[in-house]
């Protein structure tokens, strides 16, 4: 009887132990991973397409921190070895700066997933998307928008049309910044893409770009973030405007569609990086590998009008889950839109910005 009681007691203990471990397993909190990214619709897109699915796949406790650009806070965390962020979504200029300053972990491109079509990452990502310390996620571009009501005949379709005030008259709205404007001017003047930055590194090259801009100088009106280009097109103050592709999408959804010249779009990236020395580097890289799979990138681009940074993802992009509209017509990296795309070299600008800016301000000051 005593033996039976002991056996019964042991069975009860075993059941309790199993129940306890089962409870702990079901209620366990996985490792915390904090992803610093931009507030607003982009953050919502990443949460839906990347963060929640990664948490479900791995059991990680994925959290969001809001980030608004720059490298100052990243530098403080790295220097103090106190990390509030494990993964960052940076605009390419900041990724380049952070990498140069030794604030980001190196990334081995051979460890990134192949595309859904089996193409290795190094061949599947668009040019420049994989850097020493970053992996591109979405591609955004400066394009040329135009007022479709202005041109009853043939619509403008090439970058050269932006500079053709005889065939396509009207004000040209541009942002008062040398970056993008100088590259655009040389491309429109027939300079081969590979020669643009070597040429801009010389006084003669800058002079050539400014001379091209002089051909439309009397038609230029400057836009600002507080007086955006889509509004200038809508209210008739401009016939053309240089603008971000996201502005095109917003205008269309506001019922004010604009025509788009995709020829020679000037593209950059948002890119993922890991703060240097972060003890959660392995988990952070697991997230980056997941987030840059073809399907994951397509999921983000189904929410926001930015092209996925790898080619195999484009065909997987679906309709916007909330607006129920096709996103493909707005994406930078479709084959048709990307055929003549020009990659902005932020490392070049980091090295030459001050010298170019001085020459640009001199040009602006001329009557």
Protein backbone atom coordinates (compact mmCIF):
# COMPACT_ATOMS: atom_id res chain seq x y z
CA UNK A 1 0.00 0.00 0.00
CA UNK A 2 2.86 2.36 0.92
CA UNK A 3 4.54 1.47 -2.37
CA UNK A 4 1.34 2.21 -4.32
CA UNK A 5 1.03 5.54 -2.48
CA UNK A 6 4.61 6.43 -3.37
CA UNK A 7 4.06 5.51 -7.00
CA UNK A 8 0.91 7.58 -7.07
CA UNK A 9 2.70 10.51 -5.44
CA UNK A 10 5.53 10.22 -7.93
CA UNK A 11 3.02 10.24 -10.78
CA UNK A 12 1.37 13.35 -9.41
CA UNK A 13 4.76 15.08 -9.12
CA UNK A 14 5.62 14.04 -12.68
CA UNK A 15 2.33 15.46 -13.96
CA UNK A 16 2.95 18.70 -12.08
CA UNK A 17 6.50 18.98 -13.42
CA UNK A 18 5.33 18.32 -16.97
CA UNK A 19 2.52 20.84 -16.54
CA UNK A 20 4.93 23.42 -15.14
CA UNK A 21 7.38 23.02 -18.02
CA UNK A 22 4.49 23.09 -20.46
CA UNK A 23 3.25 26.33 -18.95
CA UNK A 24 6.72 27.86 -19.03
CA UNK A 25 7.14 26.78 -22.67
CA UNK A 26 3.84 28.27 -23.74
CA UNK A 27 4.35 31.53 -21.83
CA UNK A 28 8.08 31.90 -22.39
CA UNK A 29 9.39 35.16 -23.76
CA UNK A 30 11.86 34.74 -26.58
CA UNK A 31 14.98 36.86 -26.98
CA UNK A 32 14.22 40.53 -27.45
CA UNK A 33 15.12 42.06 -30.81
CA UNK A 34 14.64 45.80 -31.27
CA UNK A 35 14.35 47.15 -34.80
CA UNK A 36 14.83 50.89 -35.23
CA UNK A 37 12.87 52.19 -38.18
CA UNK A 38 10.95 55.17 -39.48
CA UNK A 39 7.56 56.17 -38.07
CA UNK A 40 4.39 56.23 -40.12
CA UNK A 41 3.20 54.06 -42.99
CA UNK A 42 6.66 52.62 -43.66
CA UNK A 43 6.85 51.34 -40.09
CA UNK A 44 3.39 49.83 -40.41
CA UNK A 45 4.44 48.12 -43.62
CA UNK A 46 7.53 46.61 -42.01
CA UNK A 47 5.58 45.56 -38.93
CA UNK A 48 3.02 43.70 -41.04
CA UNK A 49 5.39 42.19 -43.60
CA UNK A 50 8.56 41.62 -41.54
CA UNK A 51 8.40 42.03 -37.78
CA UNK A 52 5.28 40.02 -36.97
CA UNK A 53 6.13 37.16 -39.37
CA UNK A 54 9.71 36.97 -38.00
CA UNK A 55 8.40 36.84 -34.43
CA UNK A 56 6.02 34.02 -35.35
CA UNK A 57 8.74 32.08 -37.15
CA UNK A 58 11.42 32.39 -34.45
CA UNK A 59 9.61 33.09 -31.19
CA UNK A 60 11.65 36.28 -30.76
CA UNK A 61 10.11 39.19 -28.93
CA UNK A 62 10.42 41.77 -31.72
CA UNK A 63 10.04 45.38 -30.68
CA UNK A 64 10.06 48.67 -32.58
CA UNK A 65 12.07 51.78 -31.84
CA UNK A 66 11.42 54.95 -33.80
CA UNK A 67 14.37 56.36 -35.72
CA UNK A 68 14.46 59.61 -37.66
CA UNK A 69 17.81 59.60 -39.42
CA UNK A 70 21.38 60.54 -38.64
CA UNK A 71 24.21 58.67 -36.91
CA UNK A 72 24.62 60.59 -33.63
CA UNK A 73 22.51 58.27 -31.48
CA UNK A 74 24.04 55.19 -33.10
CA UNK A 75 27.52 56.52 -32.30
CA UNK A 76 26.55 57.06 -28.64
CA UNK A 77 25.27 53.50 -28.32
CA UNK A 78 28.34 51.97 -29.96
CA UNK A 79 30.78 54.03 -27.91
CA UNK A 80 28.98 53.24 -24.64
CA UNK A 81 28.39 49.56 -25.57
CA UNK A 82 24.78 50.08 -24.50
CA UNK A 83 22.48 49.06 -27.31
CA UNK A 84 18.89 50.22 -27.51
CA UNK A 85 18.80 49.10 -31.16
CA UNK A 86 19.73 45.71 -32.61
CA UNK A 87 18.80 46.32 -36.26
CA UNK A 88 18.51 49.68 -38.00
CA UNK A 89 16.73 50.73 -41.16
CA UNK A 90 18.87 53.58 -42.50
CA UNK A 91 18.73 55.75 -45.57
CA UNK A 92 21.77 55.04 -47.70
CA UNK A 93 23.66 58.29 -46.96
CA UNK A 94 23.51 57.48 -43.25
CA UNK A 95 24.45 53.84 -43.86
CA UNK A 96 27.50 54.97 -45.82
CA UNK A 97 28.48 57.45 -43.11
CA UNK A 98 27.99 54.91 -40.31
CA UNK A 99 29.95 52.24 -42.17
CA UNK A 100 32.81 54.64 -42.87
CA UNK A 101 32.92 55.64 -39.20
CA UNK A 102 33.02 52.01 -38.04
CA UNK A 103 29.59 52.10 -36.42
CA UNK A 104 28.09 49.09 -38.24
CA UNK A 105 28.95 45.40 -38.39
CA UNK A 106 30.40 44.03 -41.62
CA UNK A 107 27.99 41.91 -43.68
CA UNK A 108 28.98 38.85 -45.68
CA UNK A 109 26.84 38.82 -48.85
CA UNK A 110 27.35 35.08 -49.28
CA UNK A 111 25.27 34.57 -46.13
CA UNK A 112 22.21 36.28 -47.60
CA UNK A 113 19.39 34.11 -48.97
CA UNK A 114 19.08 33.34 -52.66
CA UNK A 115 16.09 34.71 -54.51
CA UNK A 116 12.86 32.81 -54.81
CA UNK A 117 14.08 31.85 -58.29
CA UNK A 118 17.36 30.46 -56.90
CA UNK A 119 19.52 33.36 -58.09
CA UNK A 120 22.29 34.14 -55.56
CA UNK A 121 21.83 37.33 -53.58
CA UNK A 122 24.85 39.00 -55.15
CA UNK A 123 23.20 38.74 -58.57
CA UNK A 124 19.59 39.23 -57.50
CA UNK A 125 19.92 42.52 -55.63
CA UNK A 126 20.07 45.65 -57.78
CA UNK A 127 23.42 47.39 -58.14
CA UNK A 128 24.64 48.99 -54.93
CA UNK A 129 22.08 47.38 -52.65
CA UNK A 130 24.65 45.24 -50.85
CA UNK A 131 27.45 47.22 -49.24
CA UNK A 132 30.22 46.47 -46.76
CA UNK A 133 27.90 47.08 -43.80
CA UNK A 134 24.39 47.21 -45.21
CA UNK A 135 21.76 45.31 -47.19
CA UNK A 136 19.20 47.25 -49.21
CA UNK A 137 15.53 46.73 -48.46
CA UNK A 138 13.60 49.19 -50.62
CA UNK A 139 14.56 51.45 -53.51
CA UNK A 140 13.30 55.01 -53.71
CA UNK A 141 14.03 57.46 -56.51
CA UNK A 142 13.84 60.96 -57.79
CA UNK A 143 11.71 60.95 -60.93
CA UNK A 144 10.26 63.69 -63.10
CA UNK A 145 6.57 64.31 -62.72
CA UNK A 146 4.52 66.37 -65.15
CA UNK A 147 1.08 67.89 -65.50
CA UNK A 148 -0.76 65.64 -67.95
CA UNK A 149 -3.24 68.40 -68.80
CA UNK A 150 -0.52 70.63 -70.20
CA UNK A 151 0.42 68.49 -73.16
CA UNK A 152 -2.44 67.57 -75.48
CA UNK A 153 -0.17 65.92 -78.06
CA UNK A 154 2.78 63.67 -77.39
CA UNK A 155 3.55 63.33 -73.68
CA UNK A 156 7.10 63.80 -72.40
CA UNK A 157 8.82 60.46 -71.88
CA UNK A 158 12.56 61.01 -71.49
CA UNK A 159 14.83 63.04 -69.25
CA UNK A 160 15.84 65.14 -72.24
CA UNK A 161 12.21 66.27 -72.51
CA UNK A 162 12.55 67.95 -69.11
CA UNK A 163 15.19 70.23 -70.66
CA UNK A 164 13.29 70.80 -73.91
CA UNK A 165 11.40 74.03 -73.24
CA UNK A 166 10.49 74.47 -76.90
CA UNK A 167 8.52 71.23 -77.30
CA UNK A 168 7.36 71.14 -73.69
CA UNK A 169 7.09 74.71 -72.36
CA UNK A 170 6.33 75.66 -68.79
CA UNK A 171 7.99 76.11 -65.39
CA UNK A 172 10.23 73.34 -64.04
CA UNK A 173 10.00 72.83 -60.27
CA UNK A 174 13.25 71.62 -58.69
CA UNK A 175 14.72 71.41 -55.23
CA UNK A 176 17.57 73.81 -54.60
CA UNK A 177 20.24 71.20 -53.93
CA UNK A 178 23.23 70.18 -56.06
CA UNK A 179 22.79 66.48 -55.34
CA UNK A 180 20.59 64.84 -57.99
CA UNK A 181 20.30 68.05 -60.01
CA UNK A 182 23.92 67.86 -61.21
CA UNK A 183 23.73 64.16 -62.05
CA UNK A 184 20.45 64.71 -63.87
CA UNK A 185 21.94 67.58 -65.91
CA UNK A 186 24.93 65.53 -67.08
CA UNK A 187 22.78 62.54 -67.96
CA UNK A 188 20.46 64.76 -70.00
CA UNK A 189 23.53 66.24 -71.69
CA UNK A 190 24.53 62.79 -72.98
CA UNK A 191 27.16 61.80 -70.43
CA UNK A 192 27.38 58.04 -69.95
CA UNK A 193 26.31 56.94 -66.44
CA UNK A 194 29.74 55.49 -65.63
CA UNK A 195 31.33 58.88 -66.40
CA UNK A 196 29.03 61.11 -64.36
CA UNK A 197 30.91 61.10 -61.05
CA UNK A 198 34.42 61.18 -62.52
CA UNK A 199 33.29 64.19 -64.52
CA UNK A 200 31.68 65.90 -61.53
CA UNK A 201 34.96 65.50 -59.66
CA UNK A 202 36.47 68.09 -62.01
CA UNK A 203 35.73 71.82 -62.31
CA UNK A 204 35.00 71.31 -66.01
CA UNK A 205 32.43 68.63 -65.20
CA UNK A 206 30.60 70.82 -62.72
CA UNK A 207 30.69 73.67 -65.23
CA UNK A 208 29.14 71.40 -67.86
CA UNK A 209 26.32 70.37 -65.52
CA UNK A 210 25.59 73.98 -64.58
CA UNK A 211 25.66 75.01 -68.24
CA UNK A 212 22.98 72.41 -68.93
CA UNK A 213 20.89 73.79 -66.08
CA UNK A 214 21.41 77.26 -67.52
CA UNK A 215 19.41 76.17 -70.57
CA UNK A 216 16.28 76.04 -68.39
CA UNK A 217 17.29 78.56 -65.77
CA UNK A 218 14.59 81.05 -66.75
CA UNK A 219 11.97 78.32 -66.29
CA UNK A 220 13.12 76.96 -62.92
CA UNK A 221 10.98 77.47 -59.82
CA UNK A 222 12.30 76.04 -56.57
CA UNK A 223 10.21 73.78 -54.40
CA UNK A 224 10.60 73.13 -50.68
CA UNK A 225 9.25 70.47 -48.29
CA UNK A 226 6.68 72.99 -47.11
CA UNK A 227 5.68 73.74 -50.71
CA UNK A 228 5.97 70.31 -52.31
CA UNK A 229 6.29 69.57 -56.03
CA UNK A 230 3.03 67.64 -56.41
CA UNK A 231 1.13 70.66 -55.12
CA UNK A 232 2.95 72.93 -57.57
CA UNK A 233 1.90 70.65 -60.43
CA UNK A 234 -1.66 70.50 -59.19
CA UNK A 235 -2.15 74.25 -58.85
CA UNK A 236 -0.51 75.06 -62.17
CA UNK A 237 2.67 76.69 -60.94
CA UNK A 238 4.77 74.03 -62.65
CA UNK A 239 4.55 71.94 -65.80
CA UNK A 240 7.31 69.57 -64.62
CA UNK A 241 8.72 68.77 -61.21
CA UNK A 242 11.52 66.63 -59.87
CA UNK A 243 9.96 64.58 -57.09
CA UNK A 244 10.26 61.37 -55.11
CA UNK A 245 8.40 58.35 -56.40
CA UNK A 246 6.45 58.20 -53.14
CA UNK A 247 5.04 61.65 -53.96
CA UNK A 248 3.67 60.23 -57.20
CA UNK A 249 1.81 57.54 -55.27
CA UNK A 250 0.46 60.03 -52.73
CA UNK A 251 -0.76 62.36 -55.48
CA UNK A 252 -2.56 59.52 -57.25
CA UNK A 253 -4.31 58.50 -54.06
CA UNK A 254 -5.32 62.08 -53.40
CA UNK A 255 -7.10 62.07 -56.75
CA UNK A 256 -4.42 64.26 -58.36
CA UNK A 257 -2.49 61.87 -60.61
CA UNK A 258 0.64 63.13 -62.33
CA UNK A 259 2.48 61.83 -65.35
CA UNK A 260 5.85 60.23 -64.65
CA UNK A 261 9.11 60.13 -66.57
CA UNK A 262 10.95 57.07 -65.26
CA UNK A 263 13.83 57.52 -67.68
CA UNK A 264 17.04 58.14 -65.71
CA UNK A 265 15.37 57.91 -62.34
CA UNK A 266 18.05 58.56 -59.71
CA UNK A 267 17.79 55.87 -57.09
CA UNK A 268 18.92 55.25 -53.52
CA UNK A 269 18.01 52.77 -50.80
CA UNK A 270 16.78 52.20 -47.34
CA UNK A 271 19.09 49.55 -45.95
CA UNK A 272 19.43 47.32 -42.91
CA UNK A 273 22.49 47.47 -40.68
CA UNK A 274 23.59 46.15 -37.26
CA UNK A 275 25.26 48.43 -34.69
CA UNK A 276 28.93 47.56 -34.24
CA UNK A 277 29.65 45.29 -31.28
CA UNK A 278 25.99 44.49 -30.63
CA UNK A 279 25.87 41.26 -28.59
CA UNK A 280 22.71 40.20 -30.44
CA UNK A 281 24.46 40.28 -33.81
CA UNK A 282 23.56 36.65 -34.64
CA UNK A 283 19.84 37.22 -34.03
CA UNK A 284 20.00 40.56 -35.86
CA UNK A 285 21.52 38.88 -38.90
CA UNK A 286 18.84 36.18 -38.75
CA UNK A 287 16.29 38.97 -38.98
CA UNK A 288 18.08 40.67 -41.88
CA UNK A 289 18.26 37.40 -43.79
CA UNK A 290 14.54 36.88 -43.25
CA UNK A 291 13.67 40.49 -44.05
CA UNK A 292 15.57 40.44 -47.34
CA UNK A 293 14.06 37.24 -48.70
CA UNK A 294 12.17 37.79 -51.94
CA UNK A 295 8.77 37.25 -50.36
CA UNK A 296 9.52 39.51 -47.39
CA UNK A 297 10.62 42.41 -49.56
CA UNK A 298 7.60 41.93 -51.81
CA UNK A 299 5.40 42.09 -48.74
CA UNK A 300 6.74 45.52 -47.78
CA UNK A 301 6.29 46.84 -51.33
CA UNK A 302 2.69 45.65 -51.29
CA UNK A 303 2.11 48.23 -48.57
CA UNK A 304 4.30 51.16 -49.64
CA UNK A 305 5.29 52.44 -53.11
CA UNK A 306 8.99 51.60 -52.95
CA UNK A 307 10.59 48.99 -55.16
CA UNK A 308 11.99 45.87 -53.53
CA UNK A 309 15.78 45.90 -53.66
CA UNK A 310 16.01 42.48 -55.29
CA UNK A 311 14.72 41.67 -58.74
CA UNK A 312 13.07 38.35 -57.90
CA UNK A 313 10.74 40.11 -55.45
CA UNK A 314 9.05 42.40 -57.97
CA UNK A 315 6.77 39.74 -59.45
CA UNK A 316 5.56 38.81 -55.95
CA UNK A 317 4.28 42.28 -55.06
CA UNK A 318 0.51 42.28 -54.65
CA UNK A 319 -2.25 44.83 -54.22
CA UNK A 320 -2.17 47.15 -51.26
CA UNK A 321 -3.99 45.30 -48.44
CA UNK A 322 -5.80 48.43 -47.26
CA UNK A 323 -6.31 50.48 -50.42
CA UNK A 324 -6.88 47.46 -52.66
CA UNK A 325 -4.98 49.00 -55.55
CA UNK A 326 -2.16 47.53 -57.62
CA UNK A 327 1.24 48.69 -56.38
CA UNK A 328 3.33 47.57 -59.35
CA UNK A 329 2.68 50.73 -61.45
CA UNK A 330 4.33 52.82 -58.72
CA UNK A 331 7.41 50.69 -58.08
CA UNK A 332 10.88 51.89 -59.00
CA UNK A 333 12.35 48.46 -59.72
CA UNK A 334 9.97 47.00 -62.28
CA UNK A 335 11.83 46.06 -65.44
CA UNK A 336 10.26 48.85 -67.49
CA UNK A 337 10.84 51.58 -64.90
CA UNK A 338 14.36 50.51 -63.97
CA UNK A 339 15.78 50.06 -67.47
CA UNK A 340 17.75 53.33 -67.45
CA UNK A 341 17.93 53.92 -63.69
CA UNK A 342 20.99 55.72 -62.35
CA UNK A 343 22.48 54.82 -58.97
CA UNK A 344 23.33 57.78 -56.76
CA UNK A 345 26.80 57.39 -55.22
CA UNK A 346 26.56 58.59 -51.65
CA UNK A 347 30.18 57.73 -50.95
CA UNK A 348 31.12 60.17 -53.72
CA UNK A 349 28.92 62.86 -52.21
CA UNK A 350 30.42 62.29 -48.78
CA UNK A 351 33.86 63.03 -50.22
CA UNK A 352 32.91 65.95 -52.48
CA UNK A 353 29.86 67.62 -50.90
CA UNK A 354 31.58 70.71 -49.50
CA UNK A 355 33.44 71.60 -52.69
CA UNK A 356 30.39 71.07 -54.89
CA UNK A 357 28.13 72.99 -52.53
CA UNK A 358 30.34 76.07 -52.76
CA UNK A 359 30.19 76.04 -56.55
CA UNK A 360 26.42 75.43 -56.45
CA UNK A 361 25.78 78.39 -54.16
CA UNK A 362 27.87 80.59 -56.45
CA UNK A 363 25.70 79.52 -59.39
CA UNK A 364 22.48 80.15 -57.47
CA UNK A 365 23.58 83.66 -56.59
CA UNK A 366 23.96 84.70 -60.22
CA UNK A 367 21.12 86.66 -61.72
